[in-house]
Protein backbone atom coordinates (compact mmCIF):
# COMPACT_ATOMS: atom_id res chain seq x y z
CA UNK A 1 0.00 0.00 0.00
CA UNK A 2 1.31 3.45 -0.90
CA UNK A 3 1.87 6.05 1.80
CA UNK A 4 0.46 9.44 0.90
CA UNK A 5 1.59 12.62 2.63
CA UNK A 6 -0.88 15.47 2.51
CA UNK A 7 -0.82 19.11 3.49
CA UNK A 8 2.18 20.90 4.80
CA UNK A 9 3.19 23.78 6.96
CA UNK A 10 6.39 25.76 6.50
CA UNK A 11 7.79 28.03 9.20
CA UNK A 12 10.90 30.18 8.68
CA UNK A 13 12.48 31.99 11.62
CA UNK A 14 14.03 35.38 10.81
CA UNK A 15 15.33 37.66 13.59
CA UNK A 16 13.44 35.58 16.19
CA UNK A 17 10.16 36.08 14.30
CA UNK A 18 8.40 32.94 13.05
CA UNK A 19 6.92 33.33 9.57
CA UNK A 20 4.23 30.82 8.72
CA UNK A 21 4.06 31.62 5.02
CA UNK A 22 1.14 31.17 2.68
CA UNK A 23 2.98 28.49 0.75
CA UNK A 24 1.39 26.71 -2.16
CA UNK A 25 4.06 24.02 -2.22
CA UNK A 26 7.43 23.37 -0.60
CA UNK A 27 9.98 20.73 -1.55
CA UNK A 28 12.86 19.64 0.66
CA UNK A 29 15.63 17.96 -1.37
CA UNK A 30 18.60 16.24 0.27
CA UNK A 31 21.58 15.24 -1.89
CA UNK A 32 24.70 13.69 -0.39
CA UNK A 33 27.98 14.59 -2.05
CA UNK A 34 29.38 11.07 -2.22
CA UNK A 35 32.70 9.96 -3.65
CA UNK A 36 33.45 6.44 -4.86
CA UNK A 37 36.95 5.24 -4.02
CA UNK A 38 38.22 2.22 -5.95
CA UNK A 39 40.16 -0.22 -3.78
CA UNK A 40 41.54 -3.71 -4.37
CA UNK A 41 38.46 -5.07 -2.56
CA UNK A 42 36.06 -3.07 -4.74
CA UNK A 43 34.37 0.30 -4.48
CA UNK A 44 34.13 2.11 -1.15
CA UNK A 45 31.68 4.96 -0.73
CA UNK A 46 32.54 8.06 1.27
CA UNK A 47 30.05 10.87 1.88
CA UNK A 48 32.03 14.10 1.98
CA UNK A 49 29.25 16.62 2.61
CA UNK A 50 25.50 16.77 2.46
CA UNK A 51 23.61 19.37 0.48
CA UNK A 52 19.98 20.30 0.73
CA UNK A 53 17.59 22.88 -0.65
CA UNK A 54 14.15 24.18 0.14
CA UNK A 55 12.13 25.05 -2.97
CA UNK A 56 9.24 27.35 -2.10
CA UNK A 57 6.24 28.34 -4.20
CA UNK A 58 4.07 30.86 -2.34
CA UNK A 59 1.68 33.72 -2.77
CA UNK A 60 3.65 36.95 -2.89
CA UNK A 61 3.23 39.10 0.20
CA UNK A 62 5.37 42.11 -0.70
CA UNK A 63 4.07 45.34 0.81
CA UNK A 64 2.11 43.89 3.74
CA UNK A 65 2.90 44.01 7.46
CA UNK A 66 5.02 41.04 8.54
CA UNK A 67 5.85 40.19 4.91
CA UNK A 68 7.94 37.03 4.52
CA UNK A 69 9.22 38.29 1.15
CA UNK A 70 10.41 41.54 2.78
CA UNK A 71 11.96 39.73 5.77
CA UNK A 72 13.86 37.33 3.46
CA UNK A 73 15.02 40.25 1.33
CA UNK A 74 16.21 42.22 4.38
CA UNK A 75 18.05 39.17 5.74
CA UNK A 76 19.66 38.41 2.36
CA UNK A 77 20.87 41.97 1.90
CA UNK A 78 22.08 42.55 5.47
CA UNK A 79 23.34 39.09 6.53
CA UNK A 80 23.51 36.77 3.51
CA UNK A 81 25.82 34.30 5.25
CA UNK A 82 23.66 33.89 8.35
CA UNK A 83 21.37 30.88 8.02
CA UNK A 84 17.71 30.85 9.05
CA UNK A 85 15.94 28.02 10.86
CA UNK A 86 13.06 26.29 9.09
CA UNK A 87 10.53 23.60 9.92
CA UNK A 88 8.45 21.81 7.28
CA UNK A 89 5.58 19.57 8.40
CA UNK A 90 3.83 17.09 6.10
CA UNK A 91 0.83 15.08 7.29
CA UNK A 92 1.00 11.30 6.93
CA UNK A 93 -1.67 8.64 7.41
CA UNK A 94 -0.50 7.82 10.95
CA UNK A 95 1.90 10.61 11.98
CA UNK A 96 3.20 13.94 10.76
CA UNK A 97 6.70 14.06 9.31
CA UNK A 98 8.77 17.09 10.30
CA UNK A 99 11.94 18.27 8.55
CA UNK A 100 14.05 20.91 10.29
CA UNK A 101 17.28 22.61 9.31
CA UNK A 102 18.83 25.92 8.36
CA UNK A 103 18.81 27.71 5.00
CA UNK A 104 20.42 30.86 3.69
CA UNK A 105 18.18 33.81 2.80
CA UNK A 106 17.58 34.94 -0.77
CA UNK A 107 15.68 37.89 -2.21
CA UNK A 108 12.40 36.43 -3.49
CA UNK A 109 11.35 37.48 -6.99
CA UNK A 110 8.64 40.09 -7.53
CA UNK A 111 5.91 39.44 -10.06
CA UNK A 112 2.69 41.05 -11.18
CA UNK A 113 -0.15 39.09 -12.68
CA UNK A 114 -2.90 41.64 -13.23
CA UNK A 115 -6.00 40.76 -11.22
CA UNK A 116 -4.65 37.32 -10.26
CA UNK A 117 -2.90 36.52 -6.98
CA UNK A 118 0.83 36.86 -7.55
CA UNK A 119 2.94 33.76 -6.94
CA UNK A 120 6.70 33.59 -6.43
CA UNK A 121 8.96 30.55 -6.65
CA UNK A 122 12.49 30.48 -5.26
CA UNK A 123 15.11 28.16 -3.76
CA UNK A 124 16.84 28.51 -0.40
CA UNK A 125 20.17 26.69 -0.05
CA UNK A 126 20.73 24.59 3.06
CA UNK A 127 23.51 25.35 5.52
CA UNK A 128 25.94 22.41 5.23
CA UNK A 129 27.12 23.11 8.79
CA UNK A 130 23.67 22.22 10.10
CA UNK A 131 22.52 18.65 9.61
CA UNK A 132 18.80 18.54 8.83
CA UNK A 133 16.57 16.33 10.95
CA UNK A 134 13.65 14.26 9.71
CA UNK A 135 11.28 13.02 12.41
CA UNK A 136 7.95 11.23 12.33
CA UNK A 137 5.83 12.27 15.28
C-alpha atoms as a PDB file:
ATOM      1  CA  UNK A   1       0.000   0.000   0.000  1.00  0.00           C
ATOM      2  CA  UNK A   2       1.311   3.452  -0.899  1.00  0.00           C
ATOM      3  CA  UNK A   3       1.873   6.045   1.798  1.00  0.00           C
ATOM      4  CA  UNK A   4       0.458   9.436   0.899  1.00  0.00           C
ATOM      5  CA  UNK A   5       1.588  12.621   2.631  1.00  0.00           C
ATOM      6  CA  UNK A   6      -0.882  15.468   2.510  1.00  0.00           C
ATOM      7  CA  UNK A   7      -0.816  19.108   3.491  1.00  0.00           C
ATOM      8  CA  UNK A   8       2.180  20.902   4.801  1.00  0.00           C
ATOM      9  CA  UNK A   9       3.188  23.780   6.956  1.00  0.00           C
ATOM     10  CA  UNK A  10       6.385  25.762   6.496  1.00  0.00           C
ATOM     11  CA  UNK A  11       7.787  28.027   9.204  1.00  0.00           C
ATOM     12  CA  UNK A  12      10.900  30.182   8.677  1.00  0.00           C
ATOM     13  CA  UNK A  13      12.480  31.993  11.621  1.00  0.00           C
ATOM     14  CA  UNK A  14      14.035  35.376  10.813  1.00  0.00           C
ATOM     15  CA  UNK A  15      15.332  37.662  13.595  1.00  0.00           C
ATOM     16  CA  UNK A  16      13.439  35.585  16.188  1.00  0.00           C
ATOM     17  CA  UNK A  17      10.163  36.083  14.295  1.00  0.00           C
ATOM     18  CA  UNK A  18       8.398  32.939  13.046  1.00  0.00           C
ATOM     19  CA  UNK A  19       6.922  33.331   9.570  1.00  0.00           C
ATOM     20  CA  UNK A  20       4.235  30.820   8.725  1.00  0.00           C
ATOM     21  CA  UNK A  21       4.062  31.623   5.016  1.00  0.00           C
ATOM     22  CA  UNK A  22       1.141  31.169   2.681  1.00  0.00           C
ATOM     23  CA  UNK A  23       2.983  28.490   0.748  1.00  0.00           C
ATOM     24  CA  UNK A  24       1.393  26.707  -2.162  1.00  0.00           C
ATOM     25  CA  UNK A  25       4.056  24.021  -2.218  1.00  0.00           C
ATOM     26  CA  UNK A  26       7.426  23.369  -0.598  1.00  0.00           C
ATOM     27  CA  UNK A  27       9.980  20.733  -1.546  1.00  0.00           C
ATOM     28  CA  UNK A  28      12.864  19.644   0.661  1.00  0.00           C
ATOM     29  CA  UNK A  29      15.629  17.960  -1.367  1.00  0.00           C
ATOM     30  CA  UNK A  30      18.598  16.239   0.269  1.00  0.00           C
ATOM     31  CA  UNK A  31      21.583  15.245  -1.892  1.00  0.00           C
ATOM     32  CA  UNK A  32      24.698  13.689  -0.387  1.00  0.00           C
ATOM     33  CA  UNK A  33      27.983  14.591  -2.050  1.00  0.00           C
ATOM     34  CA  UNK A  34      29.379  11.074  -2.223  1.00  0.00           C
ATOM     35  CA  UNK A  35      32.702   9.958  -3.650  1.00  0.00           C
ATOM     36  CA  UNK A  36      33.448   6.435  -4.863  1.00  0.00           C
ATOM     37  CA  UNK A  37      36.948   5.243  -4.015  1.00  0.00           C
ATOM     38  CA  UNK A  38      38.218   2.217  -5.947  1.00  0.00           C
ATOM     39  CA  UNK A  39      40.157  -0.218  -3.781  1.00  0.00           C
ATOM     40  CA  UNK A  40      41.539  -3.712  -4.369  1.00  0.00           C
ATOM     41  CA  UNK A  41      38.460  -5.074  -2.561  1.00  0.00           C
ATOM     42  CA  UNK A  42      36.063  -3.071  -4.743  1.00  0.00           C
ATOM     43  CA  UNK A  43      34.369   0.297  -4.481  1.00  0.00           C
ATOM     44  CA  UNK A  44      34.129   2.111  -1.146  1.00  0.00           C
ATOM     45  CA  UNK A  45      31.679   4.965  -0.734  1.00  0.00           C
ATOM     46  CA  UNK A  46      32.537   8.061   1.267  1.00  0.00           C
ATOM     47  CA  UNK A  47      30.047  10.871   1.875  1.00  0.00           C
ATOM     48  CA  UNK A  48      32.031  14.104   1.977  1.00  0.00           C
ATOM     49  CA  UNK A  49      29.251  16.617   2.608  1.00  0.00           C
ATOM     50  CA  UNK A  50      25.501  16.770   2.460  1.00  0.00           C
ATOM     51  CA  UNK A  51      23.608  19.365   0.483  1.00  0.00           C
ATOM     52  CA  UNK A  52      19.979  20.304   0.733  1.00  0.00           C
ATOM     53  CA  UNK A  53      17.589  22.877  -0.652  1.00  0.00           C
ATOM     54  CA  UNK A  54      14.152  24.178   0.144  1.00  0.00           C
ATOM     55  CA  UNK A  55      12.129  25.049  -2.971  1.00  0.00           C
ATOM     56  CA  UNK A  56       9.243  27.349  -2.104  1.00  0.00           C
ATOM     57  CA  UNK A  57       6.236  28.341  -4.199  1.00  0.00           C
ATOM     58  CA  UNK A  58       4.074  30.856  -2.336  1.00  0.00           C
ATOM     59  CA  UNK A  59       1.675  33.724  -2.768  1.00  0.00           C
ATOM     60  CA  UNK A  60       3.649  36.952  -2.893  1.00  0.00           C
ATOM     61  CA  UNK A  61       3.226  39.103   0.197  1.00  0.00           C
ATOM     62  CA  UNK A  62       5.369  42.113  -0.702  1.00  0.00           C
ATOM     63  CA  UNK A  63       4.069  45.343   0.814  1.00  0.00           C
ATOM     64  CA  UNK A  64       2.108  43.893   3.744  1.00  0.00           C
ATOM     65  CA  UNK A  65       2.897  44.011   7.456  1.00  0.00           C
ATOM     66  CA  UNK A  66       5.019  41.041   8.541  1.00  0.00           C
ATOM     67  CA  UNK A  67       5.850  40.187   4.909  1.00  0.00           C
ATOM     68  CA  UNK A  68       7.941  37.029   4.516  1.00  0.00           C
ATOM     69  CA  UNK A  69       9.223  38.292   1.152  1.00  0.00           C
ATOM     70  CA  UNK A  70      10.414  41.539   2.776  1.00  0.00           C
ATOM     71  CA  UNK A  71      11.960  39.732   5.771  1.00  0.00           C
ATOM     72  CA  UNK A  72      13.856  37.331   3.460  1.00  0.00           C
ATOM     73  CA  UNK A  73      15.021  40.253   1.332  1.00  0.00           C
ATOM     74  CA  UNK A  74      16.205  42.225   4.379  1.00  0.00           C
ATOM     75  CA  UNK A  75      18.047  39.168   5.739  1.00  0.00           C
ATOM     76  CA  UNK A  76      19.657  38.407   2.363  1.00  0.00           C
ATOM     77  CA  UNK A  77      20.868  41.975   1.896  1.00  0.00           C
ATOM     78  CA  UNK A  78      22.080  42.554   5.469  1.00  0.00           C
ATOM     79  CA  UNK A  79      23.338  39.093   6.532  1.00  0.00           C
ATOM     80  CA  UNK A  80      23.512  36.766   3.506  1.00  0.00           C
ATOM     81  CA  UNK A  81      25.823  34.299   5.250  1.00  0.00           C
ATOM     82  CA  UNK A  82      23.657  33.886   8.350  1.00  0.00           C
ATOM     83  CA  UNK A  83      21.369  30.884   8.020  1.00  0.00           C
ATOM     84  CA  UNK A  84      17.709  30.846   9.046  1.00  0.00           C
ATOM     85  CA  UNK A  85      15.941  28.017  10.856  1.00  0.00           C
ATOM     86  CA  UNK A  86      13.061  26.289   9.086  1.00  0.00           C
ATOM     87  CA  UNK A  87      10.532  23.595   9.921  1.00  0.00           C
ATOM     88  CA  UNK A  88       8.452  21.813   7.283  1.00  0.00           C
ATOM     89  CA  UNK A  89       5.582  19.574   8.399  1.00  0.00           C
ATOM     90  CA  UNK A  90       3.828  17.092   6.098  1.00  0.00           C
ATOM     91  CA  UNK A  91       0.830  15.078   7.286  1.00  0.00           C
ATOM     92  CA  UNK A  92       0.998  11.305   6.931  1.00  0.00           C
ATOM     93  CA  UNK A  93      -1.672   8.640   7.406  1.00  0.00           C
ATOM     94  CA  UNK A  94      -0.496   7.820  10.947  1.00  0.00           C
ATOM     95  CA  UNK A  95       1.895  10.609  11.980  1.00  0.00           C
ATOM     96  CA  UNK A  96       3.201  13.939  10.757  1.00  0.00           C
ATOM     97  CA  UNK A  97       6.698  14.062   9.311  1.00  0.00           C
ATOM     98  CA  UNK A  98       8.772  17.088  10.298  1.00  0.00           C
ATOM     99  CA  UNK A  99      11.942  18.269   8.551  1.00  0.00           C
ATOM    100  CA  UNK A 100      14.049  20.907  10.291  1.00  0.00           C
ATOM    101  CA  UNK A 101      17.277  22.606   9.314  1.00  0.00           C
ATOM    102  CA  UNK A 102      18.825  25.922   8.361  1.00  0.00           C
ATOM    103  CA  UNK A 103      18.812  27.710   5.005  1.00  0.00           C
ATOM    104  CA  UNK A 104      20.418  30.864   3.692  1.00  0.00           C
ATOM    105  CA  UNK A 105      18.181  33.814   2.804  1.00  0.00           C
ATOM    106  CA  UNK A 106      17.577  34.938  -0.773  1.00  0.00           C
ATOM    107  CA  UNK A 107      15.682  37.893  -2.205  1.00  0.00           C
ATOM    108  CA  UNK A 108      12.398  36.430  -3.488  1.00  0.00           C
ATOM    109  CA  UNK A 109      11.348  37.480  -6.985  1.00  0.00           C
ATOM    110  CA  UNK A 110       8.638  40.088  -7.532  1.00  0.00           C
ATOM    111  CA  UNK A 111       5.915  39.437 -10.062  1.00  0.00           C
ATOM    112  CA  UNK A 112       2.691  41.046 -11.179  1.00  0.00           C
ATOM    113  CA  UNK A 113      -0.150  39.088 -12.681  1.00  0.00           C
ATOM    114  CA  UNK A 114      -2.896  41.639 -13.227  1.00  0.00           C
ATOM    115  CA  UNK A 115      -6.003  40.763 -11.225  1.00  0.00           C
ATOM    116  CA  UNK A 116      -4.648  37.322 -10.257  1.00  0.00           C
ATOM    117  CA  UNK A 117      -2.902  36.524  -6.982  1.00  0.00           C
ATOM    118  CA  UNK A 118       0.829  36.862  -7.548  1.00  0.00           C
ATOM    119  CA  UNK A 119       2.939  33.758  -6.937  1.00  0.00           C
ATOM    120  CA  UNK A 120       6.702  33.588  -6.429  1.00  0.00           C
ATOM    121  CA  UNK A 121       8.962  30.554  -6.654  1.00  0.00           C
ATOM    122  CA  UNK A 122      12.493  30.481  -5.262  1.00  0.00           C
ATOM    123  CA  UNK A 123      15.107  28.161  -3.760  1.00  0.00           C
ATOM    124  CA  UNK A 124      16.839  28.511  -0.399  1.00  0.00           C
ATOM    125  CA  UNK A 125      20.171  26.692  -0.049  1.00  0.00           C
ATOM    126  CA  UNK A 126      20.729  24.591   3.061  1.00  0.00           C
ATOM    127  CA  UNK A 127      23.509  25.354   5.517  1.00  0.00           C
ATOM    128  CA  UNK A 128      25.944  22.410   5.234  1.00  0.00           C
ATOM    129  CA  UNK A 129      27.124  23.112   8.788  1.00  0.00           C
ATOM    130  CA  UNK A 130      23.673  22.222  10.100  1.00  0.00           C
ATOM    131  CA  UNK A 131      22.516  18.650   9.607  1.00  0.00           C
ATOM    132  CA  UNK A 132      18.804  18.535   8.832  1.00  0.00           C
ATOM    133  CA  UNK A 133      16.567  16.334  10.945  1.00  0.00           C
ATOM    134  CA  UNK A 134      13.650  14.256   9.707  1.00  0.00           C
ATOM    135  CA  UNK A 135      11.284  13.024  12.411  1.00  0.00           C
ATOM    136  CA  UNK A 136       7.948  11.225  12.335  1.00  0.00           C
ATOM    137  CA  UNK A 137       5.825  12.274  15.284  1.00  0.00           C
END
